Amino acid sequence: MTVAASSPEIREDALLGGRVRLHQPVRGYRAGMDAALLAAAVAAGPGERVIEAGCGPGAVLTQIAARCPEAALFGLEREPEIATLARRNIEANGLDDRADVRLGDVATGFRALDLQPFDWAISNPPFFDDPGRMRPPAPERRAAWMADDGLAAWTGFLLKAVREGGRIVMIHRAERLGDILALLAPKAGSFAVRPIHPFADQPAKRVLVQAIKTGKGPLRLLPPLVLHDRDGAPHTPEAEAILRGEAALPF
């Protein structure tokens, strides 16, 4: 829901039923359902630390903060203007005491941040890493769509960023599930996968994947989430409850 226009280029949206206010660009990549689903899949407990790789304007971080009021949050963003906007959203939502955003690139690795490993390392990585396989997006959307260093750079960053026994959570295109599992498997396990279907009679287009660093448990395929039905409502009751912050997506 749009609340107000803050400038010709930025507008303010209300998330989680108005519990979160998010300023984001009118043009270019805008956080939406994927950000809401990723945030709903993070159940950080009191004192736990969460890092998001590629945090954008802070849509996931601010929603996690509303859902997990005693967690500490850290975002990494490589686009200076978007990182500034994320800090603005942190301040606007009163999160200065437990959230921070740093300018940086996943490609430089986690060690460059000089931080202790986190309890949770999460990401909604760019969905494409081969410009030859898709029509180039508008320039203001390219950074959000194209993973210049490939999916391996993102999974490698997450594996370094999380402590042993900590949790990695990603949302990505369903067709990349095999790649995600293969890239994480050398150092993580106990996978849990939740398919996200646009309609109940259509294949999943997204997957939420959780892995535990050094985990040894078997892979679990969880019940799917269906986003839409065909009765004319924008979302299924289950999806609407997640968007309003009334339900989560536990692993």
C-alpha atoms as a PDB file:
ATOM      1  CA  MET A   1       0.000   0.000   0.000  1.00  0.00           C
ATOM      2  CA  THR A   2       1.354   3.418  -0.958  1.00  0.00           C
ATOM      3  CA  VAL A   3       1.183   5.966   1.845  1.00  0.00           C
ATOM      4  CA  ALA A   4       2.694   9.141   0.438  1.00  0.00           C
ATOM      5  CA  ALA A   5       5.134  10.431  -2.123  1.00  0.00           C
ATOM      6  CA  SER A   6       8.297  11.601  -0.373  1.00  0.00           C
ATOM      7  CA  SER A   7       9.828  13.040  -3.580  1.00  0.00           C
ATOM      8  CA  PRO A   8       9.351  12.616  -7.324  1.00  0.00           C
ATOM      9  CA  GLU A   9      11.707   9.603  -7.199  1.00  0.00           C
ATOM     10  CA  ILE A  10      10.865   8.048  -3.807  1.00  0.00           C
ATOM     11  CA  ARG A  11       7.588   6.933  -2.320  1.00  0.00           C
ATOM     12  CA  GLU A  12       6.615   5.513   1.040  1.00  0.00           C
ATOM     13  CA  ASP A  13       4.896   2.132   1.286  1.00  0.00           C
ATOM     14  CA  ALA A  14       3.246   0.498   4.287  1.00  0.00           C
ATOM     15  CA  LEU A  15       4.233  -3.121   5.017  1.00  0.00           C
ATOM     16  CA  LEU A  16       2.987  -5.682   7.512  1.00  0.00           C
ATOM     17  CA  GLY A  17      -0.332  -3.944   7.898  1.00  0.00           C
ATOM     18  CA  GLY A  18       1.301  -0.569   8.560  1.00  0.00           C
ATOM     19  CA  ARG A  19       3.836  -1.746  11.154  1.00  0.00           C
ATOM     20  CA  VAL A  20       6.688  -0.894   8.766  1.00  0.00           C
ATOM     21  CA  ARG A  21       7.156   2.216   6.635  1.00  0.00           C
ATOM     22  CA  LEU A  22       9.441   1.738   3.664  1.00  0.00           C
ATOM     23  CA  HIS A  23      10.786   4.450   1.370  1.00  0.00           C
ATOM     24  CA  GLN A  24      11.806   3.002  -1.977  1.00  0.00           C
ATOM     25  CA  PRO A  25      12.353   4.195  -5.544  1.00  0.00           C
ATOM     26  CA  VAL A  26       9.353   4.791  -7.763  1.00  0.00           C
ATOM     27  CA  ARG A  27      11.399   3.532 -10.718  1.00  0.00           C
ATOM     28  CA  GLY A  28      13.728   0.571 -10.717  1.00  0.00           C
ATOM     29  CA  TYR A  29      13.598  -2.514  -8.500  1.00  0.00           C
ATOM     30  CA  ARG A  30      10.917  -2.381  -5.815  1.00  0.00           C
ATOM     31  CA  ALA A  31      10.720  -4.797  -2.900  1.00  0.00           C
ATOM     32  CA  GLY A  32       7.561  -6.862  -2.883  1.00  0.00           C
ATOM     33  CA  MET A  33       6.417 -10.416  -2.272  1.00  0.00           C
ATOM     34  CA  ASP A  34       9.880 -12.012  -2.313  1.00  0.00           C
ATOM     35  CA  ALA A  35      11.096  -9.663   0.419  1.00  0.00           C
ATOM     36  CA  ALA A  36       8.004 -10.383   2.518  1.00  0.00           C
ATOM     37  CA  LEU A  37       8.469 -14.154   2.180  1.00  0.00           C
ATOM     38  CA  LEU A  38      12.161 -14.034   3.045  1.00  0.00           C
ATOM     39  CA  ALA A  39      11.461 -11.947   6.145  1.00  0.00           C
ATOM     40  CA  ALA A  40       8.669 -14.325   7.202  1.00  0.00           C
ATOM     41  CA  ALA A  41      11.098 -17.263   7.010  1.00  0.00           C
ATOM     42  CA  VAL A  42      13.522 -15.787   9.566  1.00  0.00           C
ATOM     43  CA  ALA A  43      12.737 -16.604  13.195  1.00  0.00           C
ATOM     44  CA  ALA A  44      15.642 -14.906  14.943  1.00  0.00           C
ATOM     45  CA  GLY A  45      15.489 -15.173  18.704  1.00  0.00           C
ATOM     46  CA  PRO A  46      16.496 -12.664  21.389  1.00  0.00           C
ATOM     47  CA  GLY A  47      20.077 -11.531  20.957  1.00  0.00           C
ATOM     48  CA  GLU A  48      20.568 -13.355  17.660  1.00  0.00           C
ATOM     49  CA  ARG A  49      22.350 -11.514  14.853  1.00  0.00           C
ATOM     50  CA  VAL A  50      21.114 -11.479  11.250  1.00  0.00           C
ATOM     51  CA  ILE A  51      23.054 -10.337   8.183  1.00  0.00           C
ATOM     52  CA  GLU A  52      21.401  -9.748   4.812  1.00  0.00           C
ATOM     53  CA  ALA A  53      23.553  -9.766   1.686  1.00  0.00           C
ATOM     54  CA  GLY A  54      22.237  -7.258  -0.818  1.00  0.00           C
ATOM     55  CA  CYS A  55      19.739  -5.568   1.481  1.00  0.00           C
ATOM     56  CA  GLY A  56      18.436  -2.980  -1.001  1.00  0.00           C
ATOM     57  CA  PRO A  57      16.355  -0.277   0.700  1.00  0.00           C
ATOM     58  CA  GLY A  58      15.899  -2.448   3.792  1.00  0.00           C
ATOM     59  CA  ALA A  59      12.555  -4.094   3.105  1.00  0.00           C
ATOM     60  CA  VAL A  60      13.617  -7.450   4.532  1.00  0.00           C
ATOM     61  CA  LEU A  61      15.560  -6.014   7.459  1.00  0.00           C
ATOM     62  CA  THR A  62      12.728  -3.763   8.615  1.00  0.00           C
ATOM     63  CA  GLN A  63      10.166  -6.553   8.342  1.00  0.00           C
ATOM     64  CA  ILE A  64      12.385  -8.947  10.289  1.00  0.00           C
ATOM     65  CA  ALA A  65      12.803  -6.240  12.926  1.00  0.00           C
ATOM     66  CA  ALA A  66       9.027  -6.006  13.292  1.00  0.00           C
ATOM     67  CA  ARG A  67       8.683  -9.779  13.517  1.00  0.00           C
ATOM     68  CA  CYS A  68      11.740 -10.389  15.740  1.00  0.00           C
ATOM     69  CA  PRO A  69      11.879  -7.425  18.126  1.00  0.00           C
ATOM     70  CA  GLU A  70      14.983  -8.585  20.019  1.00  0.00           C
ATOM     71  CA  ALA A  71      17.211  -9.504  17.053  1.00  0.00           C
ATOM     72  CA  ALA A  72      20.178  -7.422  15.853  1.00  0.00           C
ATOM     73  CA  LEU A  73      20.266  -6.709  12.113  1.00  0.00           C
ATOM     74  CA  PHE A  74      22.993  -5.877   9.616  1.00  0.00           C
ATOM     75  CA  GLY A  75      22.687  -5.194   5.899  1.00  0.00           C
ATOM     76  CA  LEU A  76      25.264  -5.083   3.114  1.00  0.00           C
ATOM     77  CA  GLU A  77      24.460  -3.068  -0.021  1.00  0.00           C
ATOM     78  CA  ARG A  78      26.753  -2.098  -2.887  1.00  0.00           C
ATOM     79  CA  GLU A  79      24.692   0.741  -4.416  1.00  0.00           C
ATOM     80  CA  PRO A  80      25.476   3.949  -2.455  1.00  0.00           C
ATOM     81  CA  GLU A  81      22.107   5.641  -2.997  1.00  0.00           C
ATOM     82  CA  ILE A  82      20.198   2.510  -2.034  1.00  0.00           C
ATOM     83  CA  ALA A  83      22.367   1.969   1.049  1.00  0.00           C
ATOM     84  CA  THR A  84      21.571   5.536   2.106  1.00  0.00           C
ATOM     85  CA  LEU A  85      17.884   4.836   1.592  1.00  0.00           C
ATOM     86  CA  ALA A  86      18.147   1.683   3.718  1.00  0.00           C
ATOM     87  CA  ARG A  87      19.666   3.708   6.557  1.00  0.00           C
ATOM     88  CA  ARG A  88      16.831   6.209   6.188  1.00  0.00           C
ATOM     89  CA  ASN A  89      14.303   3.403   6.524  1.00  0.00           C
ATOM     90  CA  ILE A  90      16.066   2.051   9.596  1.00  0.00           C
ATOM     91  CA  GLU A  91      15.887   5.479  11.203  1.00  0.00           C
ATOM     92  CA  ALA A  92      12.264   6.051  10.143  1.00  0.00           C
ATOM     93  CA  ASN A  93      11.230   2.785  11.793  1.00  0.00           C
ATOM     94  CA  GLY A  94      13.107   3.507  15.018  1.00  0.00           C
ATOM     95  CA  LEU A  95      15.680   0.751  14.561  1.00  0.00           C
ATOM     96  CA  ASP A  96      18.904   2.735  15.003  1.00  0.00           C
ATOM     97  CA  ASP A  97      19.805   0.863  18.178  1.00  0.00           C
ATOM     98  CA  ARG A  98      19.772  -2.611  16.617  1.00  0.00           C
ATOM     99  CA  ALA A  99      20.167  -2.287  12.847  1.00  0.00           C
ATOM    100  CA  ASP A 100      22.961  -1.059  10.598  1.00  0.00           C
ATOM    101  CA  VAL A 101      23.756  -0.987   6.879  1.00  0.00           C
ATOM    102  CA  ARG A 102      27.226  -0.913   5.380  1.00  0.00           C
ATOM    103  CA  LEU A 103      28.260  -0.100   1.845  1.00  0.00           C
ATOM    104  CA  GLY A 104      30.025  -3.105   0.337  1.00  0.00           C
ATOM    105  CA  ASP A 105      30.007  -5.804  -2.322  1.00  0.00           C
ATOM    106  CA  VAL A 106      29.373  -9.510  -1.849  1.00  0.00           C
ATOM    107  CA  ALA A 107      32.185 -10.151  -4.332  1.00  0.00           C
ATOM    108  CA  THR A 108      34.800  -8.853  -1.864  1.00  0.00           C
ATOM    109  CA  GLY A 109      33.814 -11.552   0.637  1.00  0.00           C
ATOM    110  CA  PHE A 110      32.672 -11.549   4.234  1.00  0.00           C
ATOM    111  CA  ARG A 111      36.134 -11.273   5.766  1.00  0.00           C
ATOM    112  CA  ALA A 112      36.529  -7.781   4.311  1.00  0.00           C
ATOM    113  CA  LEU A 113      33.812  -6.598   6.723  1.00  0.00           C
ATOM    114  CA  ASP A 114      35.888  -7.559   9.788  1.00  0.00           C
ATOM    115  CA  LEU A 115      32.821  -8.827  11.642  1.00  0.00           C
ATOM    116  CA  GLN A 116      32.131 -11.876  13.769  1.00  0.00           C
ATOM    117  CA  PRO A 117      30.020 -14.586  12.082  1.00  0.00           C
ATOM    118  CA  PHE A 118      26.273 -14.191  12.442  1.00  0.00           C
ATOM    119  CA  ASP A 119      23.523 -16.522  13.664  1.00  0.00           C
ATOM    120  CA  TRP A 120      21.575 -15.999  10.429  1.00  0.00           C
ATOM    121  CA  ALA A 121      22.837 -15.145   6.937  1.00  0.00           C
ATOM    122  CA  ILE A 122      20.084 -14.434   4.431  1.00  0.00           C
ATOM    123  CA  SER A 123      19.654 -13.151   0.900  1.00  0.00           C
ATOM    124  CA  ASN A 124      17.362 -12.578  -2.046  1.00  0.00           C
ATOM    125  CA  PRO A 125      20.165 -12.660  -4.642  1.00  0.00           C
ATOM    126  CA  PRO A 126      19.827 -11.280  -8.164  1.00  0.00           C
ATOM    127  CA  PHE A 127      17.999 -13.947 -10.134  1.00  0.00           C
ATOM    128  CA  PHE A 128      20.177 -13.951 -13.258  1.00  0.00           C
ATOM    129  CA  ASP A 129      23.906 -14.260 -13.835  1.00  0.00           C
ATOM    130  CA  ASP A 130      24.059 -14.701 -17.618  1.00  0.00           C
ATOM    131  CA  PRO A 131      23.188 -11.522 -19.558  1.00  0.00           C
ATOM    132  CA  GLY A 132      22.926 -13.601 -22.729  1.00  0.00           C
ATOM    133  CA  ARG A 133      19.896 -15.492 -21.416  1.00  0.00           C
ATOM    134  CA  MET A 134      17.601 -12.522 -20.863  1.00  0.00           C
ATOM    135  CA  ARG A 135      16.783  -9.128 -22.282  1.00  0.00           C
ATOM    136  CA  PRO A 136      18.848  -6.551 -20.401  1.00  0.00           C
ATOM    137  CA  PRO A 137      16.728  -4.768 -17.757  1.00  0.00           C
ATOM    138  CA  ALA A 138      16.483  -1.015 -17.408  1.00  0.00           C
ATOM    139  CA  PRO A 139      19.739   0.422 -16.017  1.00  0.00           C
ATOM    140  CA  GLU A 140      18.145   1.261 -12.658  1.00  0.00           C
ATOM    141  CA  ARG A 141      17.025  -2.367 -12.267  1.00  0.00           C
ATOM    142  CA  ARG A 142      20.170  -4.127 -13.463  1.00  0.00           C
ATOM    143  CA  ALA A 143      21.919  -4.427 -10.082  1.00  0.00           C
ATOM    144  CA  ALA A 144      18.877  -6.136  -8.577  1.00  0.00           C
ATOM    145  CA  TRP A 145      18.472  -8.572 -11.485  1.00  0.00           C
ATOM    146  CA  MET A 146      22.020  -9.464 -12.552  1.00  0.00           C
ATOM    147  CA  ALA A 147      24.501 -11.242 -10.280  1.00  0.00           C
ATOM    148  CA  ASP A 148      27.718 -10.027 -11.886  1.00  0.00           C
ATOM    149  CA  ASP A 149      29.851 -12.537  -9.984  1.00  0.00           C
ATOM    150  CA  GLY A 150      27.391 -15.408 -10.248  1.00  0.00           C
ATOM    151  CA  LEU A 151      25.316 -17.271  -7.687  1.00  0.00           C
ATOM    152  CA  ALA A 152      28.468 -18.879  -6.287  1.00  0.00           C
ATOM    153  CA  ALA A 153      29.655 -15.514  -4.946  1.00  0.00           C
ATOM    154  CA  TRP A 154      26.413 -15.111  -2.988  1.00  0.00           C
ATOM    155  CA  THR A 155      26.343 -18.603  -1.521  1.00  0.00           C
ATOM    156  CA  GLY A 156      30.048 -18.328  -0.693  1.00  0.00           C
ATOM    157  CA  PHE A 157      29.459 -15.072   1.144  1.00  0.00           C
ATOM    158  CA  LEU A 158      26.584 -16.530   3.155  1.00  0.00           C
ATOM    159  CA  LEU A 159      28.606 -19.594   4.131  1.00  0.00           C
ATOM    160  CA  LYS A 160      31.425 -17.407   5.451  1.00  0.00           C
ATOM    161  CA  ALA A 161      29.050 -14.983   7.166  1.00  0.00           C
ATOM    162  CA  VAL A 162      27.284 -17.532   9.364  1.00  0.00           C
ATOM    163  CA  ARG A 163      28.637 -19.376  12.398  1.00  0.00           C
ATOM    164  CA  GLU A 164      28.759 -23.157  12.630  1.00  0.00           C
ATOM    165  CA  GLY A 165      25.257 -24.323  13.429  1.00  0.00           C
ATOM    166  CA  GLY A 166      23.844 -21.036  12.136  1.00  0.00           C
ATOM    167  CA  ARG A 167      21.165 -20.766   9.498  1.00  0.00           C
ATOM    168  CA  ILE A 168      21.322 -19.651   5.868  1.00  0.00           C
ATOM    169  CA  VAL A 169      18.039 -18.644   4.226  1.00  0.00           C
ATOM    170  CA  MET A 170      17.608 -17.747   0.559  1.00  0.00           C
ATOM    171  CA  ILE A 171      14.743 -17.101  -1.820  1.00  0.00           C
ATOM    172  CA  HIS A 172      15.362 -17.691  -5.499  1.00  0.00           C
ATOM    173  CA  ARG A 173      13.898 -18.990  -8.740  1.00  0.00           C
ATOM    174  CA  ALA A 174      12.727 -22.596  -8.439  1.00  0.00           C
ATOM    175  CA  GLU A 175      14.818 -23.659 -11.430  1.00  0.00           C
ATOM    176  CA  ARG A 176      18.001 -22.765  -9.527  1.00  0.00           C
ATOM    177  CA  LEU A 177      17.245 -25.073  -6.598  1.00  0.00           C
ATOM    178  CA  GLY A 178      19.733 -27.702  -7.745  1.00  0.00           C
ATOM    179  CA  ASP A 179      22.474 -25.095  -8.098  1.00  0.00           C
ATOM    180  CA  ILE A 180      21.752 -23.642  -4.643  1.00  0.00           C
ATOM    181  CA  LEU A 181      21.893 -27.040  -2.943  1.00  0.00           C
ATOM    182  CA  ALA A 182      25.092 -27.991  -4.774  1.00  0.00           C
ATOM    183  CA  LEU A 183      26.827 -24.713  -3.897  1.00  0.00           C
ATOM    184  CA  LEU A 184      25.879 -24.880  -0.214  1.00  0.00           C
ATOM    185  CA  ALA A 185      26.342 -28.626   0.282  1.00  0.00           C
ATOM    186  CA  PRO A 186      30.125 -28.689   0.837  1.00  0.00           C
ATOM    187  CA  LYS A 187      29.769 -26.752   4.100  1.00  0.00           C
ATOM    188  CA  ALA A 188      26.081 -26.892   4.999  1.00  0.00           C
ATOM    189  CA  GLY A 189      23.273 -29.401   5.259  1.00  0.00           C
ATOM    190  CA  SER A 190      19.967 -30.144   7.001  1.00  0.00           C
ATOM    191  CA  PHE A 191      18.263 -28.463   4.055  1.00  0.00           C
ATOM    192  CA  ALA A 192      14.622 -27.449   4.176  1.00  0.00           C
ATOM    193  CA  VAL A 193      12.889 -26.339   0.969  1.00  0.00           C
ATOM    194  CA  ARG A 194       9.509 -24.634   0.688  1.00  0.00           C
ATOM    195  CA  PRO A 195       8.110 -24.292  -2.857  1.00  0.00           C
ATOM    196  CA  ILE A 196       6.200 -21.090  -3.666  1.00  0.00           C
ATOM    197  CA  HIS A 197       3.493 -21.536  -6.303  1.00  0.00           C
ATOM    198  CA  PRO A 198       1.699 -18.677  -8.086  1.00  0.00           C
ATOM    199  CA  PHE A 199      -1.441 -20.872  -8.337  1.00  0.00           C
ATOM    200  CA  ALA A 200      -2.151 -24.333  -6.956  1.00  0.00           C
ATOM    201  CA  ASP A 201      -2.298 -25.818 -10.470  1.00  0.00           C
ATOM    202  CA  GLN A 202       0.967 -24.223 -11.661  1.00  0.00           C
ATOM    203  CA  PRO A 203       4.586 -25.204 -11.005  1.00  0.00           C
ATOM    204  CA  ALA A 204       6.531 -23.426  -8.272  1.00  0.00           C
ATOM    205  CA  LYS A 205       8.341 -20.304  -9.480  1.00  0.00           C
ATOM    206  CA  ARG A 206      10.192 -19.561  -6.251  1.00  0.00           C
ATOM    207  CA  VAL A 207      11.766 -21.619  -3.501  1.00  0.00           C
ATOM    208  CA  LEU A 208      12.699 -20.703   0.030  1.00  0.00           C
ATOM    209  CA  VAL A 209      15.755 -22.667   1.104  1.00  0.00           C
ATOM    210  CA  GLN A 210      17.167 -23.001   4.600  1.00  0.00           C
ATOM    211  CA  ALA A 211      20.509 -24.654   5.300  1.00  0.00           C
ATOM    212  CA  ILE A 212      22.391 -25.135   8.547  1.00  0.00           C
ATOM    213  CA  LYS A 213      26.148 -24.676   8.424  1.00  0.00           C
ATOM    214  CA  THR A 214      27.766 -28.053   9.205  1.00  0.00           C
ATOM    215  CA  GLY A 215      24.264 -29.540   9.451  1.00  0.00           C
ATOM    216  CA  LYS A 216      24.004 -33.280   8.779  1.00  0.00           C
ATOM    217  CA  GLY A 217      20.238 -33.859   8.757  1.00  0.00           C
ATOM    218  CA  PRO A 218      18.242 -35.105   5.758  1.00  0.00           C
ATOM    219  CA  LEU A 219      16.661 -32.747   3.264  1.00  0.00           C
ATOM    220  CA  ARG A 220      13.058 -31.845   4.085  1.00  0.00           C
ATOM    221  CA  LEU A 221      10.558 -30.777   1.415  1.00  0.00           C
ATOM    222  CA  LEU A 222       7.977 -28.634   3.193  1.00  0.00           C
ATOM    223  CA  PRO A 223       4.331 -27.974   2.281  1.00  0.00           C
ATOM    224  CA  PRO A 224       4.071 -25.372  -0.502  1.00  0.00           C
ATOM    225  CA  LEU A 225       2.757 -21.863  -0.209  1.00  0.00           C
ATOM    226  CA  VAL A 226       0.243 -20.869  -2.892  1.00  0.00           C
ATOM    227  CA  LEU A 227       0.111 -17.127  -3.515  1.00  0.00           C
ATOM    228  CA  HIS A 228      -3.069 -16.696  -5.564  1.00  0.00           C
ATOM    229  CA  ASP A 229      -6.327 -18.467  -6.258  1.00  0.00           C
ATOM    230  CA  ARG A 230      -8.848 -17.831  -9.012  1.00  0.00           C
ATOM    231  CA  ASP A 231     -11.698 -16.259  -7.045  1.00  0.00           C
ATOM    232  CA  GLY A 232     -10.587 -12.697  -7.781  1.00  0.00           C
ATOM    233  CA  ALA A 233      -8.862 -11.936  -4.485  1.00  0.00           C
ATOM    234  CA  PRO A 234      -5.311 -10.537  -4.785  1.00  0.00           C
ATOM    235  CA  HIS A 235      -3.832 -13.311  -2.614  1.00  0.00           C
ATOM    236  CA  THR A 236      -4.796 -16.522  -0.896  1.00  0.00           C
ATOM    237  CA  PRO A 237      -5.682 -16.154   2.797  1.00  0.00           C
ATOM    238  CA  GLU A 238      -2.339 -17.767   3.704  1.00  0.00           C
ATOM    239  CA  ALA A 239      -0.333 -15.335   1.583  1.00  0.00           C
ATOM    240  CA  GLU A 240      -2.360 -12.360   2.791  1.00  0.00           C
ATOM    241  CA  ALA A 241      -1.713 -13.304   6.424  1.00  0.00           C
ATOM    242  CA  ILE A 242       2.038 -13.338   5.731  1.00  0.00           C
ATOM    243  CA  LEU A 243       1.916  -9.948   3.985  1.00  0.00           C
ATOM    244  CA  ARG A 244       0.058  -8.460   6.958  1.00  0.00           C
ATOM    245  CA  GLY A 245       2.508  -9.944   9.458  1.00  0.00           C
ATOM    246  CA  GLU A 246      -0.107 -12.230  10.987  1.00  0.00           C
ATOM    247  CA  ALA A 247       1.654 -15.458   9.961  1.00  0.00           C
ATOM    248  CA  ALA A 248       5.196 -16.696   9.373  1.00  0.00           C
ATOM    249  CA  LEU A 249       6.857 -19.340   7.209  1.00  0.00           C
ATOM    250  CA  PRO A 250       8.661 -21.542   9.705  1.00  0.00           C
ATOM    251  CA  PHE A 251      11.153 -24.191   8.691  1.00  0.00           C
END
